[in-house]
Amino acid sequence: MKKAGQVVVFRFPHTDLSAAKLRPALLLGKLPGEYDDWLICMISSQTRQYIEGFDEIVKESDQDFGESGLKVASVIRVGRLAVVSGDILVGAIGTISPERLHRIRQNLMKWLSGETGGG
């Protein structure tokens, strides 16, 4: 059963839709309605892509790292979003802490409301 906060494997497309790469993604939440559609964001091991105050880094020393299913320190890229049907998700590999999920959602809400820079 899918739930917000799960780390799943998904074939995430490049922004130009030219190709896709199998990578972990975070389930942010199920969209309202009768369909099994989910808002997800990409997770990358390229921590240099981290945007302070927006993205979230999961480090090996973090309490929820072991449960995340990630193999190395990774950045949850809040700006790399997609809405996908739940049936195309390859499977769950782990979860992040409820506190981390809350911070990620807060960062996204602040950005969408214009409280932070970048848009």
C-alpha atoms as a PDB file:
ATOM      1  CA  MET A   1       0.000   0.000   0.000  1.00  0.00           C
ATOM      2  CA  LYS A   2       1.373   3.379  -1.039  1.00  0.00           C
ATOM      3  CA  LYS A   3       1.560   6.267   1.433  1.00  0.00           C
ATOM      4  CA  ALA A   4       3.122   9.707   1.631  1.00  0.00           C
ATOM      5  CA  GLY A   5       6.706   9.561   2.866  1.00  0.00           C
ATOM      6  CA  GLN A   6       7.579   6.353   1.026  1.00  0.00           C
ATOM      7  CA  VAL A   7      10.664   6.199  -1.156  1.00  0.00           C
ATOM      8  CA  VAL A   8       9.751   4.384  -4.369  1.00  0.00           C
ATOM      9  CA  VAL A   9      11.544   3.467  -7.579  1.00  0.00           C
ATOM     10  CA  PHE A  10      10.253   5.247 -10.666  1.00  0.00           C
ATOM     11  CA  ARG A  11      11.381   5.933 -14.227  1.00  0.00           C
ATOM     12  CA  PHE A  12      11.682   9.722 -13.852  1.00  0.00           C
ATOM     13  CA  PRO A  13      11.759  11.685 -17.145  1.00  0.00           C
ATOM     14  CA  HIS A  14      14.244  14.445 -17.953  1.00  0.00           C
ATOM     15  CA  THR A  15      12.669  17.908 -18.132  1.00  0.00           C
ATOM     16  CA  ASP A  16      12.704  17.804 -21.957  1.00  0.00           C
ATOM     17  CA  LEU A  17      10.996  14.350 -21.878  1.00  0.00           C
ATOM     18  CA  SER A  18      13.761  12.969 -24.132  1.00  0.00           C
ATOM     19  CA  ALA A  19      14.562  10.021 -21.873  1.00  0.00           C
ATOM     20  CA  ALA A  20      13.974   8.668 -18.418  1.00  0.00           C
ATOM     21  CA  LYS A  21      16.189   7.164 -15.755  1.00  0.00           C
ATOM     22  CA  LEU A  22      15.217   4.637 -13.109  1.00  0.00           C
ATOM     23  CA  ARG A  23      15.704   6.409  -9.802  1.00  0.00           C
ATOM     24  CA  PRO A  24      14.237   6.792  -6.354  1.00  0.00           C
ATOM     25  CA  ALA A  25      11.418   9.260  -5.812  1.00  0.00           C
ATOM     26  CA  LEU A  26       9.499  10.432  -2.760  1.00  0.00           C
ATOM     27  CA  LEU A  27       5.714  10.128  -2.537  1.00  0.00           C
ATOM     28  CA  LEU A  28       4.540  13.554  -1.338  1.00  0.00           C
ATOM     29  CA  GLY A  29       0.848  12.746  -1.390  1.00  0.00           C
ATOM     30  CA  LYS A  30      -2.042  11.199  -3.242  1.00  0.00           C
ATOM     31  CA  LEU A  31      -4.034  13.660  -5.312  1.00  0.00           C
ATOM     32  CA  PRO A  32      -7.717  14.068  -4.463  1.00  0.00           C
ATOM     33  CA  GLY A  33     -10.160  12.106  -6.538  1.00  0.00           C
ATOM     34  CA  GLU A  34     -10.916   8.582  -7.570  1.00  0.00           C
ATOM     35  CA  TYR A  35      -7.664   7.935  -9.465  1.00  0.00           C
ATOM     36  CA  ASP A  36      -4.474   6.539  -7.934  1.00  0.00           C
ATOM     37  CA  ASP A  37      -2.448   9.641  -8.890  1.00  0.00           C
ATOM     38  CA  TRP A  38       0.501  10.732  -6.749  1.00  0.00           C
ATOM     39  CA  LEU A  39       2.635  13.868  -6.494  1.00  0.00           C
ATOM     40  CA  ILE A  40       6.242  12.710  -6.328  1.00  0.00           C
ATOM     41  CA  CYS A  41       9.655  14.346  -6.319  1.00  0.00           C
ATOM     42  CA  MET A  42      12.977  13.044  -7.550  1.00  0.00           C
ATOM     43  CA  ILE A  43      15.775  11.888  -5.281  1.00  0.00           C
ATOM     44  CA  SER A  44      19.375  12.146  -6.498  1.00  0.00           C
ATOM     45  CA  SER A  45      22.738  11.045  -5.145  1.00  0.00           C
ATOM     46  CA  GLN A  46      24.189  14.237  -6.669  1.00  0.00           C
ATOM     47  CA  THR A  47      24.089  16.215  -3.413  1.00  0.00           C
ATOM     48  CA  ARG A  48      25.860  19.148  -5.098  1.00  0.00           C
ATOM     49  CA  GLN A  49      22.441  19.913  -6.641  1.00  0.00           C
ATOM     50  CA  TYR A  50      21.047  20.744  -3.181  1.00  0.00           C
ATOM     51  CA  ILE A  51      19.258  24.101  -2.922  1.00  0.00           C
ATOM     52  CA  GLU A  52      19.399  25.389   0.648  1.00  0.00           C
ATOM     53  CA  GLY A  53      16.019  26.108   2.219  1.00  0.00           C
ATOM     54  CA  PHE A  54      14.235  24.208  -0.544  1.00  0.00           C
ATOM     55  CA  ASP A  55      15.646  20.705  -0.978  1.00  0.00           C
ATOM     56  CA  GLU A  56      16.393  18.146   1.730  1.00  0.00           C
ATOM     57  CA  ILE A  57      19.570  16.085   2.108  1.00  0.00           C
ATOM     58  CA  VAL A  58      19.333  12.612   3.623  1.00  0.00           C
ATOM     59  CA  LYS A  59      22.740  11.744   5.120  1.00  0.00           C
ATOM     60  CA  GLU A  60      24.045   8.399   6.320  1.00  0.00           C
ATOM     61  CA  SER A  61      24.202   9.857   9.851  1.00  0.00           C
ATOM     62  CA  ASP A  62      20.481  10.814   9.878  1.00  0.00           C
ATOM     63  CA  GLN A  63      18.177   8.706  12.051  1.00  0.00           C
ATOM     64  CA  ASP A  64      15.873   7.853   9.143  1.00  0.00           C
ATOM     65  CA  PHE A  65      18.631   7.015   6.625  1.00  0.00           C
ATOM     66  CA  GLY A  66      18.487   3.261   7.274  1.00  0.00           C
ATOM     67  CA  GLU A  67      14.716   3.171   6.801  1.00  0.00           C
ATOM     68  CA  SER A  68      14.872   5.313   3.635  1.00  0.00           C
ATOM     69  CA  GLY A  69      16.218   2.474   1.490  1.00  0.00           C
ATOM     70  CA  LEU A  70      18.756   4.853  -0.031  1.00  0.00           C
ATOM     71  CA  LYS A  71      22.275   3.491  -0.532  1.00  0.00           C
ATOM     72  CA  VAL A  72      24.203   6.776  -0.239  1.00  0.00           C
ATOM     73  CA  ALA A  73      23.604  10.339   0.953  1.00  0.00           C
ATOM     74  CA  SER A  74      21.006  11.826  -1.383  1.00  0.00           C
ATOM     75  CA  VAL A  75      19.120  15.037  -2.051  1.00  0.00           C
ATOM     76  CA  ILE A  76      15.339  15.126  -2.229  1.00  0.00           C
ATOM     77  CA  ARG A  77      14.841  17.598  -5.096  1.00  0.00           C
ATOM     78  CA  VAL A  78      11.666  19.444  -4.155  1.00  0.00           C
ATOM     79  CA  GLY A  79      11.598  21.299  -7.490  1.00  0.00           C
ATOM     80  CA  ARG A  80      11.686  18.089  -9.559  1.00  0.00           C
ATOM     81  CA  LEU A  81       8.020  17.156  -9.321  1.00  0.00           C
ATOM     82  CA  ALA A  82       5.737  14.883 -11.305  1.00  0.00           C
ATOM     83  CA  VAL A  83       2.204  13.554 -11.009  1.00  0.00           C
ATOM     84  CA  VAL A  84       2.106   9.869 -11.849  1.00  0.00           C
ATOM     85  CA  SER A  85      -0.326   7.003 -11.720  1.00  0.00           C
ATOM     86  CA  GLY A  86       0.418   4.724  -8.788  1.00  0.00           C
ATOM     87  CA  ASP A  87       0.431   1.654 -11.003  1.00  0.00           C
ATOM     88  CA  ILE A  88       3.623   2.744 -12.817  1.00  0.00           C
ATOM     89  CA  LEU A  89       5.670   2.980  -9.633  1.00  0.00           C
ATOM     90  CA  VAL A  90       8.099   0.068  -9.580  1.00  0.00           C
ATOM     91  CA  GLY A  91       7.930  -0.433  -5.815  1.00  0.00           C
ATOM     92  CA  ALA A  92       8.703   0.987  -2.390  1.00  0.00           C
ATOM     93  CA  ILE A  93      12.242   0.703  -1.028  1.00  0.00           C
ATOM     94  CA  GLY A  94      11.809   2.606   2.240  1.00  0.00           C
ATOM     95  CA  THR A  95      10.361   5.597   4.076  1.00  0.00           C
ATOM     96  CA  ILE A  96      11.517   8.912   5.484  1.00  0.00           C
ATOM     97  CA  SER A  97      10.549  10.257   8.896  1.00  0.00           C
ATOM     98  CA  PRO A  98       7.253  12.128   9.317  1.00  0.00           C
ATOM     99  CA  GLU A  99       9.268  15.172  10.448  1.00  0.00           C
ATOM    100  CA  ARG A 100      11.322  15.195   7.249  1.00  0.00           C
ATOM    101  CA  LEU A 101       8.186  14.797   5.112  1.00  0.00           C
ATOM    102  CA  HIS A 102       6.633  17.747   6.959  1.00  0.00           C
ATOM    103  CA  ARG A 103       9.717  19.949   6.299  1.00  0.00           C
ATOM    104  CA  ILE A 104       9.690  19.049   2.606  1.00  0.00           C
ATOM    105  CA  ARG A 105       5.985  19.881   2.282  1.00  0.00           C
ATOM    106  CA  GLN A 106       6.524  23.150   4.181  1.00  0.00           C
ATOM    107  CA  ASN A 107       9.371  24.148   1.831  1.00  0.00           C
ATOM    108  CA  LEU A 108       7.181  23.414  -1.182  1.00  0.00           C
ATOM    109  CA  MET A 109       4.246  25.376   0.268  1.00  0.00           C
ATOM    110  CA  LYS A 110       6.463  28.373   1.088  1.00  0.00           C
ATOM    111  CA  TRP A 111       7.830  28.415  -2.430  1.00  0.00           C
ATOM    112  CA  LEU A 112       4.387  28.088  -4.044  1.00  0.00           C
ATOM    113  CA  SER A 113       3.009  30.880  -1.872  1.00  0.00           C
ATOM    114  CA  GLY A 114       5.891  33.186  -2.830  1.00  0.00           C
ATOM    115  CA  GLU A 115       7.426  33.244   0.651  1.00  0.00           C
ATOM    116  CA  THR A 116      10.835  32.173  -0.669  1.00  0.00           C
ATOM    117  CA  GLY A 117      12.844  33.179  -3.726  1.00  0.00           C
ATOM    118  CA  GLY A 118      13.163  31.410  -7.023  1.00  0.00           C
ATOM    119  CA  GLY A 119       9.924  32.155  -8.750  1.00  0.00           C
END
